[in-house]
Amino acid sequence: GHSRDVSSVAFSPDSKTLASASGDKTVKLWDLSGDAPVEKGTLRGHSKHNPKCLCTHGKYRSGYKANSKCPVRGHSDWVRCVAWNHDGSLLASASDDQTVKLWDPTTMEEKGTLKGHSKWVTCVALNHDGSLLASASWDNTVKLWDPTAMEEKDTLTGHSGEVNCVAFSPDGSLLASASDDRTVKLWDPTTMEEKGTLRGHSKHNPKCLCTHGKYRSGYKANSKCPVRGHSDWVRCVAWNHDGSLLASASDDQTVKLWDP
């Protein structure tokens, strides 16, 4: 069904619907209630493949020239991630167009757009009761939003590199973020404060005894270095069922397990 790479998938809470995000600027919904998956519909953005789009498409920086009369409100660039709220009544999508969009999966209509990031939005996540939404971006920040009011609550700054992933703990008391700065950060979504940093081998980590410079890995290992964190970009984070364990995946070819 998609015409470009598929970057993300997410099951609805009742597992009856699957959402998929793609480089074709769309989100597709799939009905899983039968013997075989059936496409339910497509949440479209500004694209020459969308018959409802009245914009002019060609060799523009954004891929199209906007038409003020265009009724389309979907994404205008690659969709990187999709996430459901707790009861399946809301679907969020994150895109290279620097926005997060909120959709009604029943009517397949756009409910609103969250604007604030200055670069690609790489990941989106909702907390346990759907009252808070987090977005990660290549602008080195994590933003927290009220998905009901569709308003930004705060911006979490602290990473020195692009943020690739965010994940709420099961009870919503912690938010983890993974970054190209080789760290995982833990945040308190209530106070919006940083709780701590799970650090790897980096010149920014005062505990690291390795030599940093123009090495292929970014550093020259020191056998006496006490640091056990990641040595390359951290791509993804995930919690276990009760929040007692956090896993992180990295370009250093490892998965690390942390006690949060």
C-alpha atoms as a PDB file:
ATOM      1  CA  GLY A   1       0.000   0.000   0.000  1.00  0.00           C
ATOM      2  CA  HIS A   2       2.769   2.484   0.789  1.00  0.00           C
ATOM      3  CA  SER A   3       4.840   3.892  -2.078  1.00  0.00           C
ATOM      4  CA  ARG A   4       7.998   4.598  -0.034  1.00  0.00           C
ATOM      5  CA  ASP A   5       9.930   3.141   2.899  1.00  0.00           C
ATOM      6  CA  VAL A   6       7.869   2.280   5.988  1.00  0.00           C
ATOM      7  CA  SER A   7       9.528   3.785   9.066  1.00  0.00           C
ATOM      8  CA  SER A   8       7.248   2.856  11.965  1.00  0.00           C
ATOM      9  CA  VAL A   9       4.327   0.632  12.996  1.00  0.00           C
ATOM     10  CA  ALA A  10       2.145   0.591  16.111  1.00  0.00           C
ATOM     11  CA  PHE A  11      -0.741  -1.608  17.278  1.00  0.00           C
ATOM     12  CA  SER A  12      -3.864  -0.011  18.732  1.00  0.00           C
ATOM     13  CA  PRO A  13      -4.467  -0.932  22.417  1.00  0.00           C
ATOM     14  CA  ASP A  14      -7.043  -3.578  21.424  1.00  0.00           C
ATOM     15  CA  SER A  15      -4.681  -4.958  18.733  1.00  0.00           C
ATOM     16  CA  LYS A  16      -7.441  -4.741  16.115  1.00  0.00           C
ATOM     17  CA  THR A  17      -5.796  -1.954  14.120  1.00  0.00           C
ATOM     18  CA  LEU A  18      -2.229  -1.403  12.974  1.00  0.00           C
ATOM     19  CA  ALA A  19      -0.915   2.040  12.027  1.00  0.00           C
ATOM     20  CA  SER A  20       2.058   2.396   9.679  1.00  0.00           C
ATOM     21  CA  ALA A  21       4.121   5.504   8.899  1.00  0.00           C
ATOM     22  CA  SER A  22       5.986   6.023   5.657  1.00  0.00           C
ATOM     23  CA  GLY A  23       8.284   8.189   3.590  1.00  0.00           C
ATOM     24  CA  ASP A  24       5.355   8.671   1.211  1.00  0.00           C
ATOM     25  CA  LYS A  25       4.081  11.285   3.719  1.00  0.00           C
ATOM     26  CA  THR A  26       1.160   9.140   4.819  1.00  0.00           C
ATOM     27  CA  VAL A  27      -0.070   7.078   7.737  1.00  0.00           C
ATOM     28  CA  LYS A  28      -2.084   3.985   6.868  1.00  0.00           C
ATOM     29  CA  LEU A  29      -4.520   2.126   9.107  1.00  0.00           C
ATOM     30  CA  TRP A  30      -4.952  -1.626   8.752  1.00  0.00           C
ATOM     31  CA  ASP A  31      -7.843  -3.747  10.036  1.00  0.00           C
ATOM     32  CA  LEU A  32      -6.527  -6.895  11.740  1.00  0.00           C
ATOM     33  CA  SER A  33      -9.858  -8.331  12.878  1.00  0.00           C
ATOM     34  CA  GLY A  34     -10.152 -10.797   9.970  1.00  0.00           C
ATOM     35  CA  ASP A  35      -8.033 -13.619   8.640  1.00  0.00           C
ATOM     36  CA  ALA A  36      -5.860 -11.197   6.647  1.00  0.00           C
ATOM     37  CA  PRO A  37      -4.984  -7.510   7.129  1.00  0.00           C
ATOM     38  CA  VAL A  38      -7.220  -5.094   5.208  1.00  0.00           C
ATOM     39  CA  GLU A  39      -6.370  -1.440   4.612  1.00  0.00           C
ATOM     40  CA  LYS A  40      -8.929   0.766   6.385  1.00  0.00           C
ATOM     41  CA  GLY A  41      -7.735   4.068   5.036  1.00  0.00           C
ATOM     42  CA  THR A  42      -4.895   6.506   4.502  1.00  0.00           C
ATOM     43  CA  LEU A  43      -4.176   9.654   6.500  1.00  0.00           C
ATOM     44  CA  ARG A  44      -2.753  11.777   3.701  1.00  0.00           C
ATOM     45  CA  GLY A  45      -0.690  14.917   3.558  1.00  0.00           C
ATOM     46  CA  HIS A  46       0.472  17.287   0.839  1.00  0.00           C
ATOM     47  CA  SER A  47       1.515  14.974  -1.975  1.00  0.00           C
ATOM     48  CA  LYS A  48       1.085  14.631  -5.729  1.00  0.00           C
ATOM     49  CA  HIS A  49      -0.361  11.208  -4.912  1.00  0.00           C
ATOM     50  CA  ASN A  50      -3.184  12.779  -2.883  1.00  0.00           C
ATOM     51  CA  PRO A  51      -6.058  13.693  -5.239  1.00  0.00           C
ATOM     52  CA  LYS A  52      -7.429  16.174  -2.698  1.00  0.00           C
ATOM     53  CA  CYS A  53      -4.183  18.199  -2.621  1.00  0.00           C
ATOM     54  CA  LEU A  54      -4.419  21.451  -4.624  1.00  0.00           C
ATOM     55  CA  CYS A  55      -0.786  22.444  -4.099  1.00  0.00           C
ATOM     56  CA  THR A  56       1.773  22.644  -6.917  1.00  0.00           C
ATOM     57  CA  HIS A  57       4.289  19.819  -6.821  1.00  0.00           C
ATOM     58  CA  GLY A  58       7.764  19.926  -8.302  1.00  0.00           C
ATOM     59  CA  LYS A  59      11.376  20.683  -7.421  1.00  0.00           C
ATOM     60  CA  TYR A  60      10.672  22.819  -4.395  1.00  0.00           C
ATOM     61  CA  ARG A  61      12.645  22.629  -1.156  1.00  0.00           C
ATOM     62  CA  SER A  62       9.593  21.309   0.711  1.00  0.00           C
ATOM     63  CA  GLY A  63       8.509  19.200  -2.259  1.00  0.00           C
ATOM     64  CA  TYR A  64       5.503  21.407  -3.042  1.00  0.00           C
ATOM     65  CA  LYS A  65       4.305  25.004  -3.341  1.00  0.00           C
ATOM     66  CA  ALA A  66       1.469  25.655  -0.913  1.00  0.00           C
ATOM     67  CA  ASN A  67      -1.985  26.646  -2.088  1.00  0.00           C
ATOM     68  CA  SER A  68      -3.986  28.566   0.521  1.00  0.00           C
ATOM     69  CA  LYS A  69      -7.175  26.925  -0.738  1.00  0.00           C
ATOM     70  CA  CYS A  70      -5.836  23.394  -0.308  1.00  0.00           C
ATOM     71  CA  PRO A  71      -8.103  21.419   2.066  1.00  0.00           C
ATOM     72  CA  VAL A  72      -5.356  18.941   2.980  1.00  0.00           C
ATOM     73  CA  ARG A  73      -3.942  19.167   6.495  1.00  0.00           C
ATOM     74  CA  GLY A  74      -1.746  16.061   6.545  1.00  0.00           C
ATOM     75  CA  HIS A  75       2.042  15.812   6.625  1.00  0.00           C
ATOM     76  CA  SER A  76       4.187  17.423   3.954  1.00  0.00           C
ATOM     77  CA  ASP A  77       7.281  15.257   4.476  1.00  0.00           C
ATOM     78  CA  TRP A  78       8.435  11.829   5.633  1.00  0.00           C
ATOM     79  CA  VAL A  79       6.447  10.401   8.556  1.00  0.00           C
ATOM     80  CA  ARG A  80       8.901   8.914  11.058  1.00  0.00           C
ATOM     81  CA  CYS A  81       6.795   7.549  13.900  1.00  0.00           C
ATOM     82  CA  VAL A  82       3.244   6.744  15.014  1.00  0.00           C
ATOM     83  CA  ALA A  83       1.867   6.193  18.534  1.00  0.00           C
ATOM     84  CA  TRP A  84      -1.573   5.539  20.039  1.00  0.00           C
ATOM     85  CA  ASN A  85      -3.024   6.877  23.250  1.00  0.00           C
ATOM     86  CA  HIS A  86      -4.153   4.536  26.030  1.00  0.00           C
ATOM     87  CA  ASP A  87      -7.647   3.773  24.702  1.00  0.00           C
ATOM     88  CA  GLY A  88      -7.078   3.976  20.956  1.00  0.00           C
ATOM     89  CA  SER A  89      -9.149   7.136  20.497  1.00  0.00           C
ATOM     90  CA  LEU A  90      -6.159   9.173  19.319  1.00  0.00           C
ATOM     91  CA  LEU A  91      -3.228   8.522  16.990  1.00  0.00           C
ATOM     92  CA  ALA A  92      -0.153  10.755  16.860  1.00  0.00           C
ATOM     93  CA  SER A  93       2.359  10.954  14.025  1.00  0.00           C
ATOM     94  CA  ALA A  94       5.807  12.604  13.888  1.00  0.00           C
ATOM     95  CA  SER A  95       7.314  13.917  10.669  1.00  0.00           C
ATOM     96  CA  ASP A  96      10.288  15.510   8.964  1.00  0.00           C
ATOM     97  CA  ASP A  97       7.990  18.494   8.326  1.00  0.00           C
ATOM     98  CA  GLN A  98       8.833  19.465  11.944  1.00  0.00           C
ATOM     99  CA  THR A  99       5.335  18.759  13.254  1.00  0.00           C
ATOM    100  CA  VAL A 100       3.335  16.218  15.221  1.00  0.00           C
ATOM    101  CA  LYS A 101      -0.166  15.585  13.951  1.00  0.00           C
ATOM    102  CA  LEU A 102      -3.090  14.199  15.940  1.00  0.00           C
ATOM    103  CA  TRP A 103      -5.683  12.041  14.185  1.00  0.00           C
ATOM    104  CA  ASP A 104      -9.088  10.573  14.971  1.00  0.00           C
ATOM    105  CA  PRO A 105      -8.619   6.931  13.883  1.00  0.00           C
ATOM    106  CA  THR A 106     -12.387   6.401  13.609  1.00  0.00           C
ATOM    107  CA  THR A 107     -13.166   9.253  11.216  1.00  0.00           C
ATOM    108  CA  MET A 108      -9.579   9.301   9.855  1.00  0.00           C
ATOM    109  CA  GLU A 109      -9.611  13.080  10.099  1.00  0.00           C
ATOM    110  CA  GLU A 110      -6.849  15.308  11.415  1.00  0.00           C
ATOM    111  CA  LYS A 111      -7.653  16.796  14.836  1.00  0.00           C
ATOM    112  CA  GLY A 112      -4.724  19.206  15.028  1.00  0.00           C
ATOM    113  CA  THR A 113      -1.072  19.994  14.501  1.00  0.00           C
ATOM    114  CA  LEU A 114       1.604  20.528  17.154  1.00  0.00           C
ATOM    115  CA  LYS A 115       4.193  23.019  15.917  1.00  0.00           C
ATOM    116  CA  GLY A 116       7.334  24.097  17.761  1.00  0.00           C
ATOM    117  CA  HIS A 117      10.307  21.992  16.708  1.00  0.00           C
ATOM    118  CA  SER A 118      12.849  23.548  14.345  1.00  0.00           C
ATOM    119  CA  LYS A 119      14.068  20.287  12.766  1.00  0.00           C
ATOM    120  CA  TRP A 120      12.776  16.789  11.974  1.00  0.00           C
ATOM    121  CA  VAL A 121      10.547  15.219  14.607  1.00  0.00           C
ATOM    122  CA  THR A 122      11.847  11.668  14.983  1.00  0.00           C
ATOM    123  CA  CYS A 123       9.623  10.113  17.621  1.00  0.00           C
ATOM    124  CA  VAL A 124       6.376  10.611  19.495  1.00  0.00           C
ATOM    125  CA  ALA A 125       4.994   8.909  22.625  1.00  0.00           C
ATOM    126  CA  LEU A 126       1.946   9.253  24.883  1.00  0.00           C
ATOM    127  CA  ASN A 127       1.857   8.540  28.608  1.00  0.00           C
ATOM    128  CA  HIS A 128      -0.248   5.938  30.423  1.00  0.00           C
ATOM    129  CA  ASP A 129      -3.486   7.939  30.496  1.00  0.00           C
ATOM    130  CA  GLY A 130      -3.062   9.982  27.326  1.00  0.00           C
ATOM    131  CA  SER A 131      -2.788  13.282  29.186  1.00  0.00           C
ATOM    132  CA  LEU A 132       0.745  14.011  28.017  1.00  0.00           C
ATOM    133  CA  LEU A 133       2.549  13.655  24.709  1.00  0.00           C
ATOM    134  CA  ALA A 134       6.320  13.754  24.204  1.00  0.00           C
ATOM    135  CA  SER A 135       8.128  14.430  20.938  1.00  0.00           C
ATOM    136  CA  ALA A 136      11.815  13.997  20.090  1.00  0.00           C
ATOM    137  CA  SER A 137      13.614  16.046  17.469  1.00  0.00           C
ATOM    138  CA  TRP A 138      16.867  16.603  15.653  1.00  0.00           C
ATOM    139  CA  ASP A 139      16.834  20.111  17.151  1.00  0.00           C
ATOM    140  CA  ASN A 140      18.343  18.419  20.268  1.00  0.00           C
ATOM    141  CA  THR A 141      15.177  18.859  22.333  1.00  0.00           C
ATOM    142  CA  VAL A 142      12.243  16.943  23.735  1.00  0.00           C
ATOM    143  CA  LYS A 143       8.922  18.745  23.871  1.00  0.00           C
ATOM    144  CA  LEU A 144       5.974  17.956  26.130  1.00  0.00           C
ATOM    145  CA  TRP A 145       2.453  18.694  24.926  1.00  0.00           C
ATOM    146  CA  ASP A 146      -1.121  18.614  26.185  1.00  0.00           C
ATOM    147  CA  PRO A 147      -2.799  16.556  23.422  1.00  0.00           C
ATOM    148  CA  THR A 148      -6.304  17.652  24.474  1.00  0.00           C
ATOM    149  CA  ALA A 149      -5.641  21.392  24.454  1.00  0.00           C
ATOM    150  CA  MET A 150      -3.046  20.880  21.688  1.00  0.00           C
ATOM    151  CA  GLU A 151      -0.652  23.193  23.494  1.00  0.00           C
ATOM    152  CA  GLU A 152       3.046  22.957  24.292  1.00  0.00           C
ATOM    153  CA  LYS A 153       3.722  22.555  28.005  1.00  0.00           C
ATOM    154  CA  ASP A 154       7.522  22.738  28.055  1.00  0.00           C
ATOM    155  CA  THR A 155      10.769  22.065  26.210  1.00  0.00           C
ATOM    156  CA  LEU A 156      13.335  19.733  27.759  1.00  0.00           C
ATOM    157  CA  THR A 157      16.871  20.821  26.897  1.00  0.00           C
ATOM    158  CA  GLY A 158      20.047  19.023  27.896  1.00  0.00           C
ATOM    159  CA  HIS A 159      21.069  16.769  25.042  1.00  0.00           C
ATOM    160  CA  SER A 160      24.012  17.945  22.953  1.00  0.00           C
ATOM    161  CA  GLY A 161      22.976  15.907  19.914  1.00  0.00           C
ATOM    162  CA  GLU A 162      19.891  14.924  17.946  1.00  0.00           C
ATOM    163  CA  VAL A 163      17.211  13.143  19.989  1.00  0.00           C
ATOM    164  CA  ASN A 164      16.081   9.920  18.316  1.00  0.00           C
ATOM    165  CA  CYS A 165      13.563   8.353  20.684  1.00  0.00           C
ATOM    166  CA  VAL A 166      11.362   9.033  23.707  1.00  0.00           C
ATOM    167  CA  ALA A 167       9.465   6.589  25.916  1.00  0.00           C
ATOM    168  CA  PHE A 168       7.309   7.022  29.020  1.00  0.00           C
ATOM    169  CA  SER A 169       7.621   4.547  31.878  1.00  0.00           C
ATOM    170  CA  PRO A 170       4.465   2.411  32.359  1.00  0.00           C
ATOM    171  CA  ASP A 171       3.141   4.602  35.184  1.00  0.00           C
ATOM    172  CA  GLY A 172       4.128   7.845  33.451  1.00  0.00           C
ATOM    173  CA  SER A 173       6.433   8.974  36.249  1.00  0.00           C
ATOM    174  CA  LEU A 174       9.553   9.020  34.070  1.00  0.00           C
ATOM    175  CA  LEU A 175      10.379   9.864  30.489  1.00  0.00           C
ATOM    176  CA  ALA A 176      13.485   8.450  28.811  1.00  0.00           C
ATOM    177  CA  SER A 177      15.150  10.034  25.785  1.00  0.00           C
ATOM    178  CA  ALA A 178      17.882   8.622  23.527  1.00  0.00           C
ATOM    179  CA  SER A 179      20.335  10.814  21.669  1.00  0.00           C
ATOM    180  CA  ASP A 180      23.236  11.019  19.241  1.00  0.00           C
ATOM    181  CA  ASP A 181      25.251  12.441  22.157  1.00  0.00           C
ATOM    182  CA  ARG A 182      25.618   8.782  23.297  1.00  0.00           C
ATOM    183  CA  THR A 183      23.445   9.266  26.358  1.00  0.00           C
ATOM    184  CA  VAL A 184      20.027   8.352  27.674  1.00  0.00           C
ATOM    185  CA  LYS A 185      18.393  11.003  29.815  1.00  0.00           C
ATOM    186  CA  LEU A 186      15.649  10.519  32.387  1.00  0.00           C
ATOM    187  CA  TRP A 187      13.108  13.281  32.978  1.00  0.00           C
ATOM    188  CA  ASP A 188      10.303  13.934  35.448  1.00  0.00           C
ATOM    189  CA  PRO A 189       7.279  14.777  33.248  1.00  0.00           C
ATOM    190  CA  THR A 190       5.526  16.474  36.172  1.00  0.00           C
ATOM    191  CA  THR A 191       8.255  18.919  37.190  1.00  0.00           C
ATOM    192  CA  MET A 192       9.828  18.936  33.673  1.00  0.00           C
ATOM    193  CA  GLU A 193      13.227  18.471  35.341  1.00  0.00           C
ATOM    194  CA  GLU A 194      16.090  16.215  34.331  1.00  0.00           C
ATOM    195  CA  LYS A 195      16.480  13.353  36.807  1.00  0.00           C
ATOM    196  CA  GLY A 196      19.771  12.032  35.497  1.00  0.00           C
ATOM    197  CA  THR A 197      21.899  10.978  32.551  1.00  0.00           C
ATOM    198  CA  LEU A 198      22.957   7.446  31.645  1.00  0.00           C
ATOM    199  CA  ARG A 199      26.314   8.267  30.114  1.00  0.00           C
ATOM    200  CA  GLY A 200      28.664   6.469  27.758  1.00  0.00           C
ATOM    201  CA  HIS A 201      32.184   7.021  26.467  1.00  0.00           C
ATOM    202  CA  SER A 202      32.274  10.719  25.628  1.00  0.00           C
ATOM    203  CA  LYS A 203      34.461  13.758  26.134  1.00  0.00           C
ATOM    204  CA  HIS A 204      31.400  15.294  27.809  1.00  0.00           C
ATOM    205  CA  ASN A 205      31.410  12.593  30.486  1.00  0.00           C
ATOM    206  CA  PRO A 206      33.809  13.631  33.301  1.00  0.00           C
ATOM    207  CA  LYS A 207      34.062  10.018  34.479  1.00  0.00           C
ATOM    208  CA  CYS A 208      35.391   8.795  31.121  1.00  0.00           C
ATOM    209  CA  LEU A 209      39.152   8.166  31.127  1.00  0.00           C
ATOM    210  CA  CYS A 210      39.384   7.331  27.420  1.00  0.00           C
ATOM    211  CA  THR A 211      41.257   9.473  24.893  1.00  0.00           C
ATOM    212  CA  HIS A 212      38.930  11.406  22.610  1.00  0.00           C
ATOM    213  CA  GLY A 213      39.861  12.641  19.158  1.00  0.00           C
ATOM    214  CA  LYS A 214      39.636  11.719  15.498  1.00  0.00           C
ATOM    215  CA  TYR A 215      39.221   7.984  16.005  1.00  0.00           C
ATOM    216  CA  ARG A 216      36.785   5.855  14.026  1.00  0.00           C
ATOM    217  CA  SER A 217      34.771   5.145  17.172  1.00  0.00           C
ATOM    218  CA  GLY A 218      35.250   8.699  18.447  1.00  0.00           C
ATOM    219  CA  TYR A 219      37.567   7.623  21.274  1.00  0.00           C
ATOM    220  CA  LYS A 220      40.542   5.398  22.164  1.00  0.00           C
ATOM    221  CA  ALA A 221      39.601   2.958  24.898  1.00  0.00           C
ATOM    222  CA  ASN A 222      41.295   3.002  28.287  1.00  0.00           C
ATOM    223  CA  SER A 223      41.131  -0.323  30.119  1.00  0.00           C
ATOM    224  CA  LYS A 224      40.872   1.536  33.435  1.00  0.00           C
ATOM    225  CA  CYS A 225      37.849   3.574  32.346  1.00  0.00           C
ATOM    226  CA  PRO A 226      34.920   2.946  34.744  1.00  0.00           C
ATOM    227  CA  VAL A 227      32.284   4.013  32.192  1.00  0.00           C
ATOM    228  CA  ARG A 228      30.035   1.267  30.875  1.00  0.00           C
ATOM    229  CA  GLY A 229      27.652   3.364  28.795  1.00  0.00           C
ATOM    230  CA  HIS A 230      27.251   3.588  25.031  1.00  0.00           C
ATOM    231  CA  SER A 231      30.111   4.612  22.756  1.00  0.00           C
ATOM    232  CA  ASP A 232      28.007   5.740  19.781  1.00  0.00           C
ATOM    233  CA  TRP A 233      24.586   7.189  18.907  1.00  0.00           C
ATOM    234  CA  VAL A 234      21.697   5.863  20.977  1.00  0.00           C
ATOM    235  CA  ARG A 235      18.790   5.098  18.668  1.00  0.00           C
ATOM    236  CA  CYS A 236      16.006   3.681  20.834  1.00  0.00           C
ATOM    237  CA  VAL A 237      14.808   3.186  24.420  1.00  0.00           C
ATOM    238  CA  ALA A 238      12.123   0.882  25.838  1.00  0.00           C
ATOM    239  CA  TRP A 239      10.755   0.074  29.310  1.00  0.00           C
ATOM    240  CA  ASN A 240       9.719  -3.286  30.713  1.00  0.00           C
ATOM    241  CA  HIS A 241       6.177  -3.840  32.028  1.00  0.00           C
ATOM    242  CA  ASP A 242       6.679  -2.396  35.526  1.00  0.00           C
ATOM    243  CA  GLY A 243       9.306   0.263  34.839  1.00  0.00           C
ATOM    244  CA  SER A 244      12.046  -1.493  36.781  1.00  0.00           C
ATOM    245  CA  LEU A 245      14.250  -1.934  33.714  1.00  0.00           C
ATOM    246  CA  LEU A 246      15.157   0.315  30.794  1.00  0.00           C
ATOM    247  CA  ALA A 247      16.791  -0.932  27.592  1.00  0.00           C
ATOM    248  CA  SER A 248      18.717   1.208  25.098  1.00  0.00           C
ATOM    249  CA  ALA A 249      19.916   0.367  21.576  1.00  0.00           C
ATOM    250  CA  SER A 250      22.950   1.988  19.988  1.00  0.00           C
ATOM    251  CA  ASP A 251      25.074   2.237  16.853  1.00  0.00           C
ATOM    252  CA  ASP A 252      27.887   0.774  18.982  1.00  0.00           C
ATOM    253  CA  GLN A 253      26.261  -2.606  18.187  1.00  0.00           C
ATOM    254  CA  THR A 254      25.031  -3.162  21.738  1.00  0.00           C
ATOM    255  CA  VAL A 255      21.867  -3.097  23.819  1.00  0.00           C
ATOM    256  CA  LYS A 256      22.345  -1.889  27.378  1.00  0.00           C
ATOM    257  CA  LEU A 257      20.077  -2.546  30.349  1.00  0.00           C
ATOM    258  CA  TRP A 258      19.737   0.121  33.030  1.00  0.00           C
ATOM    259  CA  ASP A 259      18.251   0.370  36.493  1.00  0.00           C
ATOM    260  CA  PRO A 260      16.349   3.650  36.265  1.00  0.00           C
END
